[in-house]
PDB file of N, CA and C in Angstrom:
ATOM      1  N   MET A   1     148.201  27.266 107.989  1.00  0.00           N
ATOM      2  CA  MET A   1     147.341  25.975 108.200  1.00  0.00           C
ATOM      3  C   MET A   1     146.249  26.057 109.070  1.00  0.00           C
ATOM      4  N   HIS A   2     145.254  25.637 108.429  1.00  0.00           N
ATOM      5  CA  HIS A   2     143.994  25.192 110.256  1.00  0.00           C
ATOM      6  C   HIS A   2     144.116  23.758 110.360  1.00  0.00           C
ATOM      7  N   PRO A   3     144.698  23.648 111.445  1.00  0.00           N
ATOM      8  CA  PRO A   3     145.028  21.999 111.845  1.00  0.00           C
ATOM      9  C   PRO A   3     144.027  20.996 111.226  1.00  0.00           C
ATOM     10  N   ILE A   4     142.570  21.391 111.289  1.00  0.00           N
ATOM     11  CA  ILE A   4     142.071  20.033 110.595  1.00  0.00           C
ATOM     12  C   ILE A   4     142.048  19.385 109.144  1.00  0.00           C
ATOM     13  N   THR A   5     143.014  20.726 108.646  1.00  0.00           N
ATOM     14  CA  THR A   5     143.201  20.732 106.725  1.00  0.00           C
ATOM     15  C   THR A   5     144.465  19.840 106.918  1.00  0.00           C
ATOM     16  N   ASP A   6     145.304  19.527 107.850  1.00  0.00           N
ATOM     17  CA  ASP A   6     146.422  18.694 107.521  1.00  0.00           C
ATOM     18  C   ASP A   6     146.101  17.210 107.060  1.00  0.00           C
ATOM     19  N   PRO A   7     145.385  16.540 107.639  1.00  0.00           N
ATOM     20  CA  PRO A   7     145.012  15.375 107.203  1.00  0.00           C
ATOM     21  C   PRO A   7     144.828  15.070 105.640  1.00  0.00           C
ATOM     22  N   VAL A   8     143.841  16.067 105.029  1.00  0.00           N
ATOM     23  CA  VAL A   8     143.442  15.948 103.814  1.00  0.00           C
ATOM     24  C   VAL A   8     144.872  15.878 102.499  1.00  0.00           C
ATOM     25  N   LEU A   9     145.829  16.873 103.227  1.00  0.00           N
ATOM     26  CA  LEU A   9     146.985  17.198 102.743  1.00  0.00           C
ATOM     27  C   LEU A   9     147.819  15.884 102.671  1.00  0.00           C
ATOM     28  N   ASP A  10     147.963  15.463 103.528  1.00  0.00           N
ATOM     29  CA  ASP A  10     148.945  14.490 103.858  1.00  0.00           C
ATOM     30  C   ASP A  10     149.476  13.389 102.757  1.00  0.00           C
ATOM     31  N   ASN A  11     148.368  13.141 102.010  1.00  0.00           N
ATOM     32  CA  ASN A  11     148.688  12.350 101.066  1.00  0.00           C
ATOM     33  C   ASN A  11     148.891  12.759  99.745  1.00  0.00           C
ATOM     34  N   THR A  12     149.344  14.166  99.412  1.00  0.00           N
ATOM     35  CA  THR A  12     149.536  14.854  98.403  1.00  0.00           C
ATOM     36  C   THR A  12     151.075  15.129  98.103  1.00  0.00           C
ATOM     37  N   THR A  13     151.223  15.268  96.747  1.00  0.00           N
ATOM     38  CA  THR A  13     152.750  15.836  96.371  1.00  0.00           C
ATOM     39  C   THR A  13     153.008  17.265  97.359  1.00  0.00           C
ATOM     40  N   PRO A  14     154.087  17.792  97.620  1.00  0.00           N
ATOM     41  CA  PRO A  14     154.803  18.680  98.036  1.00  0.00           C
ATOM     42  C   PRO A  14     154.506  20.040  97.216  1.00  0.00           C
ATOM     43  N   GLU A  15     154.029  19.902  95.958  1.00  0.00           N
ATOM     44  CA  GLU A  15     154.082  20.654  94.915  1.00  0.00           C
ATOM     45  C   GLU A  15     152.536  21.383  95.366  1.00  0.00           C
ATOM     46  N   VAL A  16     151.399  20.218  95.385  1.00  0.00           N
ATOM     47  CA  VAL A  16     149.928  20.358  95.629  1.00  0.00           C
ATOM     48  C   VAL A  16     149.760  20.712  96.845  1.00  0.00           C
ATOM     49  N   ARG A  17     150.288  19.935  97.767  1.00  0.00           N
ATOM     50  CA  ARG A  17     150.129  20.808  99.396  1.00  0.00           C
ATOM     51  C   ARG A  17     150.392  22.185  99.271  1.00  0.00           C
ATOM     52  N   GLY A  18     151.711  22.777  98.674  1.00  0.00           N
ATOM     53  CA  GLY A  18     152.210  24.218  98.876  1.00  0.00           C
ATOM     54  C   GLY A  18     151.044  24.718  98.072  1.00  0.00           C
ATOM     55  N   LEU A  19     150.467  24.464  96.786  1.00  0.00           N
ATOM     56  CA  LEU A  19     149.420  25.086  96.411  1.00  0.00           C
ATOM     57  C   LEU A  19     148.165  25.137  96.590  1.00  0.00           C
ATOM     58  N   ALA A  20     147.710  24.161  97.436  1.00  0.00           N
ATOM     59  CA  ALA A  20     146.283  24.047  98.315  1.00  0.00           C
ATOM     60  C   ALA A  20     146.808  25.003  99.659  1.00  0.00           C
ATOM     61  N   ARG A  21     147.519  24.806  99.942  1.00  0.00           N
ATOM     62  CA  ARG A  21     147.943  26.158 101.148  1.00  0.00           C
ATOM     63  C   ARG A  21     147.797  26.930 100.745  1.00  0.00           C
ATOM     64  N   GLN A  22     148.146  27.807  99.590  1.00  0.00           N
ATOM     65  CA  GLN A  22     148.378  29.033  99.053  1.00  0.00           C
ATOM     66  C   GLN A  22     146.848  29.259  98.869  1.00  0.00           C
ATOM     67  N   VAL A  23     145.873  28.320  97.976  1.00  0.00           N
ATOM     68  CA  VAL A  23     144.471  28.642  98.040  1.00  0.00           C
ATOM     69  C   VAL A  23     143.689  28.621  99.099  1.00  0.00           C
ATOM     70  N   PHE A  24     143.959  27.937 100.130  1.00  0.00           N
ATOM     71  CA  PHE A  24     143.096  27.999 101.493  1.00  0.00           C
ATOM     72  C   PHE A  24     143.593  29.607 101.906  1.00  0.00           C
ATOM     73  N   ALA A  25     144.913  30.027 102.133  1.00  0.00           N
ATOM     74  CA  ALA A  25     145.422  31.254 102.486  1.00  0.00           C
ATOM     75  C   ALA A  25     144.570  32.331 101.848  1.00  0.00           C
ATOM     76  N   ALA A  26     144.507  32.079 100.392  1.00  0.00           N
ATOM     77  CA  ALA A  26     143.686  32.971  99.780  1.00  0.00           C
ATOM     78  C   ALA A  26     142.302  33.458  99.938  1.00  0.00           C
ATOM     79  N   LEU A  27     141.474  32.498 100.129  1.00  0.00           N
ATOM     80  CA  LEU A  27     139.745  32.120 100.461  1.00  0.00           C
ATOM     81  C   LEU A  27     140.436  32.552 101.806  1.00  0.00           C
ATOM     82  N   LEU A  28     140.980  31.884 102.501  1.00  0.00           N
ATOM     83  CA  LEU A  28     140.627  32.543 103.936  1.00  0.00           C
ATOM     84  C   LEU A  28     140.782  34.539 104.341  1.00  0.00           C
ATOM     85  N   ASP A  29     141.817  34.519 103.641  1.00  0.00           N
ATOM     86  CA  ASP A  29     141.923  36.073 103.487  1.00  0.00           C
ATOM     87  C   ASP A  29     140.707  36.858 103.044  1.00  0.00           C
ATOM     88  N   ARG A  30     139.952  36.128 101.957  1.00  0.00           N
ATOM     89  CA  ARG A  30     138.674  37.107 101.715  1.00  0.00           C
ATOM     90  C   ARG A  30     137.680  36.699 102.534  1.00  0.00           C
ATOM     91  N   PHE A  31     137.655  35.463 103.196  1.00  0.00           N
ATOM     92  CA  PHE A  31     136.495  35.262 104.132  1.00  0.00           C
ATOM     93  C   PHE A  31     137.039  34.701 105.495  1.00  0.00           C
ATOM     94  N   PRO A  32     137.540  35.677 106.174  1.00  0.00           N
ATOM     95  CA  PRO A  32     138.068  35.180 107.455  1.00  0.00           C
ATOM     96  C   PRO A  32     137.387  34.681 108.262  1.00  0.00           C
ATOM     97  N   ASP A  33     136.142  35.024 108.568  1.00  0.00           N
ATOM     98  CA  ASP A  33     134.945  34.360 109.441  1.00  0.00           C
ATOM     99  C   ASP A  33     134.692  33.061 108.952  1.00  0.00           C
ATOM    100  N   ALA A  34     135.360  32.480 108.065  1.00  0.00           N
ATOM    101  CA  ALA A  34     134.778  31.115 107.380  1.00  0.00           C
ATOM    102  C   ALA A  34     134.594  29.973 108.453  1.00  0.00           C
ATOM    103  N   VAL A  35     133.854  29.151 108.770  1.00  0.00           N
ATOM    104  CA  VAL A  35     133.914  27.715 109.269  1.00  0.00           C
ATOM    105  C   VAL A  35     134.070  26.809 108.536  1.00  0.00           C
ATOM    106  N   VAL A  36     135.421  26.472 108.672  1.00  0.00           N
ATOM    107  CA  VAL A  36     136.596  25.545 108.171  1.00  0.00           C
ATOM    108  C   VAL A  36     135.996  24.151 108.740  1.00  0.00           C
ATOM    109  N   THR A  37     135.834  23.291 107.564  1.00  0.00           N
ATOM    110  CA  THR A  37     135.309  22.021 107.824  1.00  0.00           C
ATOM    111  C   THR A  37     136.427  20.845 106.974  1.00  0.00           C
ATOM    112  N   ALA A  38     136.333  19.550 107.166  1.00  0.00           N
ATOM    113  CA  ALA A  38     137.194  19.053 106.322  1.00  0.00           C
ATOM    114  C   ALA A  38     137.007  17.403 106.408  1.00  0.00           C
ATOM    115  N   ASP A  39     136.950  16.801 105.739  1.00  0.00           N
ATOM    116  CA  ASP A  39     136.836  15.107 105.470  1.00  0.00           C
ATOM    117  C   ASP A  39     138.078  14.534 105.036  1.00  0.00           C
ATOM    118  N   ALA A  40     138.002  13.224 104.551  1.00  0.00           N
ATOM    119  CA  ALA A  40     139.119  12.800 104.228  1.00  0.00           C
ATOM    120  C   ALA A  40     139.674  13.311 102.894  1.00  0.00           C
ATOM    121  N   ASP A  41     139.062  13.930 101.658  1.00  0.00           N
ATOM    122  CA  ASP A  41     139.606  14.437 100.520  1.00  0.00           C
ATOM    123  C   ASP A  41     139.257  15.905 100.411  1.00  0.00           C
ATOM    124  N   SER A  42     138.628  16.429 101.206  1.00  0.00           N
ATOM    125  CA  SER A  42     138.358  18.060 100.937  1.00  0.00           C
ATOM    126  C   SER A  42     138.005  18.823 102.404  1.00  0.00           C
ATOM    127  N   ILE A  43     138.265  20.063 101.707  1.00  0.00           N
ATOM    128  CA  ILE A  43     138.401  21.268 103.065  1.00  0.00           C
ATOM    129  C   ILE A  43     136.987  22.251 102.340  1.00  0.00           C
ATOM    130  N   GLY A  44     136.328  22.051 103.183  1.00  0.00           N
ATOM    131  CA  GLY A  44     135.163  23.214 103.084  1.00  0.00           C
ATOM    132  C   GLY A  44     135.039  24.511 103.753  1.00  0.00           C
ATOM    133  N   LEU A  45     134.641  25.461 103.469  1.00  0.00           N
ATOM    134  CA  LEU A  45     134.831  26.791 103.803  1.00  0.00           C
ATOM    135  C   LEU A  45     133.430  27.450 103.775  1.00  0.00           C
ATOM    136  N   GLY A  46     132.422  27.684 105.035  1.00  0.00           N
ATOM    137  CA  GLY A  46     131.148  28.157 104.893  1.00  0.00           C
ATOM    138  C   GLY A  46     130.838  29.168 106.111  1.00  0.00           C
ATOM    139  N   THR A  47     129.529  29.347 106.234  1.00  0.00           N
ATOM    140  CA  THR A  47     128.972  30.316 106.907  1.00  0.00           C
ATOM    141  C   THR A  47     128.650  29.361 108.092  1.00  0.00           C
ATOM    142  N   ALA A  48     128.613  28.071 107.993  1.00  0.00           N
ATOM    143  CA  ALA A  48     128.072  27.482 109.206  1.00  0.00           C
ATOM    144  C   ALA A  48     128.554  25.719 108.494  1.00  0.00           C
ATOM    145  N   PRO A  49     128.902  24.993 109.658  1.00  0.00           N
ATOM    146  CA  PRO A  49     129.125  23.632 109.110  1.00  0.00           C
ATOM    147  C   PRO A  49     127.889  22.951 108.067  1.00  0.00           C
ATOM    148  N   GLY A  50     128.327  21.833 107.507  1.00  0.00           N
ATOM    149  CA  GLY A  50     127.407  21.523 106.688  1.00  0.00           C
ATOM    150  C   GLY A  50     127.279  21.963 105.260  1.00  0.00           C
ATOM    151  N   TYR A  51     126.521  21.214 104.345  1.00  0.00           N
ATOM    152  CA  TYR A  51     126.332  21.377 103.038  1.00  0.00           C
ATOM    153  C   TYR A  51     125.333  22.730 102.995  1.00  0.00           C
ATOM    154  N   LYS A  52     124.425  23.467 103.941  1.00  0.00           N
ATOM    155  CA  LYS A  52     123.409  24.771 103.807  1.00  0.00           C
ATOM    156  C   LYS A  52     124.463  25.754 103.708  1.00  0.00           C
ATOM    157  N   GLY A  53     125.195  25.685 104.561  1.00  0.00           N
ATOM    158  CA  GLY A  53     126.351  26.624 104.852  1.00  0.00           C
ATOM    159  C   GLY A  53     127.534  27.108 103.917  1.00  0.00           C
ATOM    160  N   LEU A  54     127.675  25.454 103.430  1.00  0.00           N
ATOM    161  CA  LEU A  54     128.964  25.673 102.318  1.00  0.00           C
ATOM    162  C   LEU A  54     129.090  26.746 101.361  1.00  0.00           C
ATOM    163  N   VAL A  55     130.404  27.507 101.180  1.00  0.00           N
ATOM    164  CA  VAL A  55     130.483  28.584 100.148  1.00  0.00           C
ATOM    165  C   VAL A  55     131.758  27.886  99.072  1.00  0.00           C
ATOM    166  N   PHE A  56     132.577  27.706  99.788  1.00  0.00           N
ATOM    167  CA  PHE A  56     133.738  27.125  98.851  1.00  0.00           C
ATOM    168  C   PHE A  56     134.273  25.820  99.263  1.00  0.00           C
ATOM    169  N   THR A  57     135.023  24.688  98.249  1.00  0.00           N
ATOM    170  CA  THR A  57     135.388  23.469  98.514  1.00  0.00           C
ATOM    171  C   THR A  57     136.590  23.777  98.221  1.00  0.00           C
ATOM    172  N   ILE A  58     137.974  23.041  98.653  1.00  0.00           N
ATOM    173  CA  ILE A  58     139.277  22.946  98.335  1.00  0.00           C
ATOM    174  C   ILE A  58     139.707  21.491  98.151  1.00  0.00           C
ATOM    175  N   LEU A  59     139.685  20.664  97.241  1.00  0.00           N
ATOM    176  CA  LEU A  59     140.037  19.486  96.889  1.00  0.00           C
ATOM    177  C   LEU A  59     141.378  19.237  96.272  1.00  0.00           C
ATOM    178  N   PRO A  60     142.409  18.779  96.869  1.00  0.00           N
ATOM    179  CA  PRO A  60     143.947  18.279  96.133  1.00  0.00           C
ATOM    180  C   PRO A  60     143.817  17.395  95.183  1.00  0.00           C
ATOM    181  N   ALA A  61     144.142  17.469  93.870  1.00  0.00           N
ATOM    182  CA  ALA A  61     144.272  16.479  92.955  1.00  0.00           C
ATOM    183  C   ALA A  61     145.857  16.041  92.496  1.00  0.00           C
ATOM    184  N   ALA A  62     146.082  15.126  91.577  1.00  0.00           N
ATOM    185  CA  ALA A  62     147.211  14.781  91.381  1.00  0.00           C
ATOM    186  C   ALA A  62     148.284  16.420  90.838  1.00  0.00           C
ATOM    187  N   ARG A  63     147.590  17.146  89.940  1.00  0.00           N
ATOM    188  CA  ARG A  63     148.431  18.010  89.572  1.00  0.00           C
ATOM    189  C   ARG A  63     147.782  19.343  89.608  1.00  0.00           C
ATOM    190  N   HIS A  64     146.636  19.295  90.540  1.00  0.00           N
ATOM    191  CA  HIS A  64     146.050  20.644  90.417  1.00  0.00           C
ATOM    192  C   HIS A  64     145.042  20.739  91.758  1.00  0.00           C
ATOM    193  N   VAL A  65     144.739  21.872  92.034  1.00  0.00           N
ATOM    194  CA  VAL A  65     143.623  22.192  93.142  1.00  0.00           C
ATOM    195  C   VAL A  65     142.439  22.403  92.937  1.00  0.00           C
ATOM    196  N   THR A  66     141.405  21.857  93.096  1.00  0.00           N
ATOM    197  CA  THR A  66     140.078  22.348  92.377  1.00  0.00           C
ATOM    198  C   THR A  66     139.513  22.971  93.257  1.00  0.00           C
ATOM    199  N   VAL A  67     138.992  23.882  93.277  1.00  0.00           N
ATOM    200  CA  VAL A  67     138.310  24.881  94.146  1.00  0.00           C
ATOM    201  C   VAL A  67     136.667  25.093  93.500  1.00  0.00           C
ATOM    202  N   GLY A  68     135.772  24.350  94.489  1.00  0.00           N
ATOM    203  CA  GLY A  68     134.674  24.469  94.053  1.00  0.00           C
ATOM    204  C   GLY A  68     133.769  25.649  94.626  1.00  0.00           C
ATOM    205  N   PHE A  69     132.703  25.590  93.533  1.00  0.00           N
ATOM    206  CA  PHE A  69     131.560  26.941  94.431  1.00  0.00           C
ATOM    207  C   PHE A  69     130.294  26.509  94.507  1.00  0.00           C
ATOM    208  N   ALA A  70     130.177  26.401  95.621  1.00  0.00           N
ATOM    209  CA  ALA A  70     128.794  25.844  96.382  1.00  0.00           C
ATOM    210  C   ALA A  70     127.786  26.561  95.165  1.00  0.00           C
ATOM    211  N   ARG A  71     126.640  26.600  94.459  1.00  0.00           N
ATOM    212  CA  ARG A  71     125.904  27.345  94.047  1.00  0.00           C
ATOM    213  C   ARG A  71     126.938  28.166  93.012  1.00  0.00           C
ATOM    214  N   GLY A  72     127.691  27.756  92.376  1.00  0.00           N
ATOM    215  CA  GLY A  72     128.499  27.996  91.408  1.00  0.00           C
ATOM    216  C   GLY A  72     127.655  27.978  89.884  1.00  0.00           C
ATOM    217  N   ALA A  73     126.817  27.222  89.712  1.00  0.00           N
ATOM    218  CA  ALA A  73     126.200  27.130  88.586  1.00  0.00           C
ATOM    219  C   ALA A  73     125.651  28.438  88.163  1.00  0.00           C
ATOM    220  N   THR A  74     125.234  29.464  89.310  1.00  0.00           N
ATOM    221  CA  THR A  74     124.441  30.786  89.394  1.00  0.00           C
ATOM    222  C   THR A  74     125.561  31.712  89.311  1.00  0.00           C
ATOM    223  N   LEU A  75     126.842  31.753  88.940  1.00  0.00           N
ATOM    224  CA  LEU A  75     127.833  32.851  89.193  1.00  0.00           C
ATOM    225  C   LEU A  75     128.032  33.166  87.653  1.00  0.00           C
ATOM    226  N   PRO A  76     128.296  34.652  87.263  1.00  0.00           N
ATOM    227  CA  PRO A  76     128.740  35.093  86.374  1.00  0.00           C
ATOM    228  C   PRO A  76     130.236  34.595  85.871  1.00  0.00           C
ATOM    229  N   ASP A  77     130.230  33.942  84.740  1.00  0.00           N
ATOM    230  CA  ASP A  77     131.790  33.741  84.554  1.00  0.00           C
ATOM    231  C   ASP A  77     131.716  33.874  82.984  1.00  0.00           C
ATOM    232  N   PRO A  78     131.980  35.463  82.697  1.00  0.00           N
ATOM    233  CA  PRO A  78     132.202  35.514  81.064  1.00  0.00           C
ATOM    234  C   PRO A  78     133.620  35.185  80.915  1.00  0.00           C
ATOM    235  N   ALA A  79     134.777  34.911  81.579  1.00  0.00           N
ATOM    236  CA  ALA A  79     135.890  34.322  81.254  1.00  0.00           C
ATOM    237  C   ALA A  79     135.853  33.016  81.046  1.00  0.00           C
ATOM    238  N   GLY A  80     134.894  31.977  81.214  1.00  0.00           N
ATOM    239  CA  GLY A  80     134.929  30.686  81.178  1.00  0.00           C
ATOM    240  C   GLY A  80     135.853  29.975  82.125  1.00  0.00           C
ATOM    241  N   LEU A  81     135.736  30.205  83.292  1.00  0.00           N
ATOM    242  CA  LEU A  81     136.957  29.341  84.046  1.00  0.00           C
ATOM    243  C   LEU A  81     135.796  28.350  84.825  1.00  0.00           C
ATOM    244  N   LEU A  82     134.689  28.466  85.339  1.00  0.00           N
ATOM    245  CA  LEU A  82     133.864  27.490  85.874  1.00  0.00           C
ATOM    246  C   LEU A  82     133.702  25.767  85.031  1.00  0.00           C
ATOM    247  N   GLU A  83     134.040  24.941  85.963  1.00  0.00           N
ATOM    248  CA  GLU A  83     134.035  23.907  84.791  1.00  0.00           C
ATOM    249  C   GLU A  83     132.848  22.940  85.444  1.00  0.00           C
ATOM    250  N   GLY A  84     132.205  21.899  84.859  1.00  0.00           N
ATOM    251  CA  GLY A  84     131.316  20.825  85.420  1.00  0.00           C
ATOM    252  C   GLY A  84     130.301  21.191  84.908  1.00  0.00           C
ATOM    253  N   SER A  85     129.563  20.090  85.384  1.00  0.00           N
ATOM    254  CA  SER A  85     127.896  19.932  84.771  1.00  0.00           C
ATOM    255  C   SER A  85     126.903  20.309  86.202  1.00  0.00           C
ATOM    256  N   GLY A  86     127.297  19.963  87.275  1.00  0.00           N
ATOM    257  CA  GLY A  86     126.258  20.180  87.793  1.00  0.00           C
ATOM    258  C   GLY A  86     125.030  20.853  87.899  1.00  0.00           C
ATOM    259  N   LYS A  87     123.941  21.137  88.360  1.00  0.00           N
ATOM    260  CA  LYS A  87     123.022  21.683  88.340  1.00  0.00           C
ATOM    261  C   LYS A  87     123.204  22.999  89.088  1.00  0.00           C
ATOM    262  N   VAL A  88     124.364  22.487  90.474  1.00  0.00           N
ATOM    263  CA  VAL A  88     124.393  23.693  91.328  1.00  0.00           C
ATOM    264  C   VAL A  88     125.844  23.588  91.744  1.00  0.00           C
ATOM    265  N   HIS A  89     126.752  22.990  91.535  1.00  0.00           N
ATOM    266  CA  HIS A  89     128.142  22.935  92.529  1.00  0.00           C
ATOM    267  C   HIS A  89     128.717  23.247  91.079  1.00  0.00           C
ATOM    268  N   ARG A  90     129.711  24.020  91.054  1.00  0.00           N
ATOM    269  CA  ARG A  90     130.688  24.160  89.939  1.00  0.00           C
ATOM    270  C   ARG A  90     132.318  24.289  90.288  1.00  0.00           C
ATOM    271  N   HIS A  91     133.248  24.152  89.157  1.00  0.00           N
ATOM    272  CA  HIS A  91     134.519  24.294  90.216  1.00  0.00           C
ATOM    273  C   HIS A  91     135.847  25.366  89.041  1.00  0.00           C
ATOM    274  N   VAL A  92     136.745  25.128  89.671  1.00  0.00           N
ATOM    275  CA  VAL A  92     137.951  25.849  89.096  1.00  0.00           C
ATOM    276  C   VAL A  92     139.190  25.260  89.360  1.00  0.00           C
ATOM    277  N   LYS A  93     139.786  24.762  88.313  1.00  0.00           N
ATOM    278  CA  LYS A  93     141.235  24.358  88.662  1.00  0.00           C
ATOM    279  C   LYS A  93     142.207  25.125  88.681  1.00  0.00           C
ATOM    280  N   ILE A  94     142.815  25.090  89.621  1.00  0.00           N
ATOM    281  CA  ILE A  94     144.168  26.120  89.943  1.00  0.00           C
ATOM    282  C   ILE A  94     145.788  24.941  89.651  1.00  0.00           C
ATOM    283  N   ARG A  95     146.002  25.442  88.797  1.00  0.00           N
ATOM    284  CA  ARG A  95     147.345  24.550  88.518  1.00  0.00           C
ATOM    285  C   ARG A  95     148.856  25.211  89.014  1.00  0.00           C
ATOM    286  N   THR A  96     148.855  26.617  88.756  1.00  0.00           N
ATOM    287  CA  THR A  96     149.484  27.268  89.654  1.00  0.00           C
ATOM    288  C   THR A  96     149.299  28.436  89.994  1.00  0.00           C
ATOM    289  N   GLU A  97     150.343  29.442  91.067  1.00  0.00           N
ATOM    290  CA  GLU A  97     150.258  30.436  91.906  1.00  0.00           C
ATOM    291  C   GLU A  97     149.307  31.521  91.249  1.00  0.00           C
ATOM    292  N   GLN A  98     150.215  31.489  89.787  1.00  0.00           N
ATOM    293  CA  GLN A  98     149.583  32.796  88.985  1.00  0.00           C
ATOM    294  C   GLN A  98     148.035  32.357  88.570  1.00  0.00           C
ATOM    295  N   ASP A  99     147.552  31.468  88.421  1.00  0.00           N
ATOM    296  CA  ASP A  99     145.889  31.312  88.521  1.00  0.00           C
ATOM    297  C   ASP A  99     145.284  31.969  89.474  1.00  0.00           C
ATOM    298  N   LEU A 100     145.922  31.714  90.681  1.00  0.00           N
ATOM    299  CA  LEU A 100     144.909  32.730  92.032  1.00  0.00           C
ATOM    300  C   LEU A 100     144.781  33.996  91.667  1.00  0.00           C
ATOM    301  N   ASP A 101     145.771  34.856  90.736  1.00  0.00           N
ATOM    302  CA  ASP A 101     145.617  36.098  90.690  1.00  0.00           C
ATOM    303  C   ASP A 101     144.799  36.731  89.775  1.00  0.00           C
ATOM    304  N   ARG A 102     143.917  35.665  88.699  1.00  0.00           N
ATOM    305  CA  ARG A 102     143.284  36.534  87.879  1.00  0.00           C
ATOM    306  C   ARG A 102     142.303  37.425  88.486  1.00  0.00           C
ATOM    307  N   PRO A 103     142.160  38.150  87.640  1.00  0.00           N
ATOM    308  CA  PRO A 103     141.015  39.196  88.188  1.00  0.00           C
ATOM    309  C   PRO A 103     139.467  38.476  88.431  1.00  0.00           C
ATOM    310  N   GLU A 104     139.415  37.789  87.139  1.00  0.00           N
ATOM    311  CA  GLU A 104     138.083  36.729  87.121  1.00  0.00           C
ATOM    312  C   GLU A 104     137.713  35.800  88.188  1.00  0.00           C
ATOM    313  N   LEU A 105     138.665  35.240  88.525  1.00  0.00           N
ATOM    314  CA  LEU A 105     138.734  34.464  89.936  1.00  0.00           C
ATOM    315  C   LEU A 105     138.176  35.574  90.886  1.00  0.00           C
ATOM    316  N   ALA A 106     138.783  36.256  91.179  1.00  0.00           N
ATOM    317  CA  ALA A 106     138.578  37.255  92.268  1.00  0.00           C
ATOM    318  C   ALA A 106     137.427  37.760  92.211  1.00  0.00           C
ATOM    319  N   GLU A 107     136.893  38.306  91.310  1.00  0.00           N
ATOM    320  CA  GLU A 107     135.761  38.646  91.122  1.00  0.00           C
ATOM    321  C   GLU A 107     134.489  37.450  91.299  1.00  0.00           C
ATOM    322  N   MET A 108     134.431  36.170  90.802  1.00  0.00           N
ATOM    323  CA  MET A 108     133.742  35.284  91.287  1.00  0.00           C
ATOM    324  C   MET A 108     133.579  34.978  92.887  1.00  0.00           C
ATOM    325  N   ILE A 109     135.025  35.221  93.305  1.00  0.00           N
ATOM    326  CA  ILE A 109     135.028  34.880  94.692  1.00  0.00           C
ATOM    327  C   ILE A 109     134.300  36.291  95.277  1.00  0.00           C
ATOM    328  N   THR A 110     134.224  37.013  95.265  1.00  0.00           N
ATOM    329  CA  THR A 110     133.647  38.182  95.480  1.00  0.00           C
ATOM    330  C   THR A 110     132.116  37.931  95.465  1.00  0.00           C
ATOM    331  N   VAL A 111     131.548  37.617  94.487  1.00  0.00           N
ATOM    332  CA  VAL A 111     129.946  37.561  94.052  1.00  0.00           C
ATOM    333  C   VAL A 111     129.894  36.183  95.050  1.00  0.00           C
ATOM    334  N   ALA A 112     130.402  34.954  94.907  1.00  0.00           N
ATOM    335  CA  ALA A 112     129.790  33.619  95.900  1.00  0.00           C
ATOM    336  C   ALA A 112     129.876  34.509  97.445  1.00  0.00           C
ATOM    337  N   LEU A 113     131.125  34.929  97.885  1.00  0.00           N
ATOM    338  CA  LEU A 113     130.531  35.556  98.843  1.00  0.00           C
ATOM    339  C   LEU A 113     129.422  36.089  99.313  1.00  0.00           C
ATOM    340  N   ALA A 114     128.985  37.619  98.329  1.00  0.00           N
ATOM    341  CA  ALA A 114     128.298  38.087  98.424  1.00  0.00           C
ATOM    342  C   ALA A 114     127.045  37.401  98.665  1.00  0.00           C
ATOM    343  N   ARG A 115     126.599  36.519  98.027  1.00  0.00           N
ATOM    344  CA  ARG A 115     125.551  35.326  98.012  1.00  0.00           C
ATOM    345  C   ARG A 115     125.479  34.520  99.047  1.00  0.00           C
ATOM    346  N   ALA A 116     126.656  34.431  99.852  1.00  0.00           N
ATOM    347  CA  ALA A 116     127.012  33.195 100.799  1.00  0.00           C
ATOM    348  C   ALA A 116     125.279  33.236 101.794  1.00  0.00           C
ATOM    349  N   PRO A 117     124.990  31.950 102.001  1.00  0.00           N
ATOM    350  CA  PRO A 117     123.954  31.709 103.370  1.00  0.00           C
ATOM    351  C   PRO A 117     124.370  32.353 104.594  1.00  0.00           C
ATOM    352  N   ARG A 118     123.344  33.066 105.034  1.00  0.00           N
ATOM    353  CA  ARG A 118     123.540  33.832 106.233  1.00  0.00           C
ATOM    354  C   ARG A 118     122.844  33.005 107.348  1.00  0.00           C
TER     355      ARG A 118
END
């Protein structure tokens, strides 16, 4: 785990903490040069610090981990994984490790990275 992400995970259950670490590792594996930022309750991965460079967010919740997609409202989503009604940002809830293995999620991550701000 990245050291700045630890405070975000400190107040989560061991199960959610473990899942959040898996989500972070999976995203970082696909986006190894990500600029990692954290605030009190979320982790950001982007091409630069701040919202302009943001590509993904990771937000631990009580029973799942939310993966946010900046500019996710424009992502193709034939499987209907994306949630939210924002004009720009959308998210996917990861409840189990198996959710990370969905090919539809992998495709969304690929498209989000291809569209990432440079």
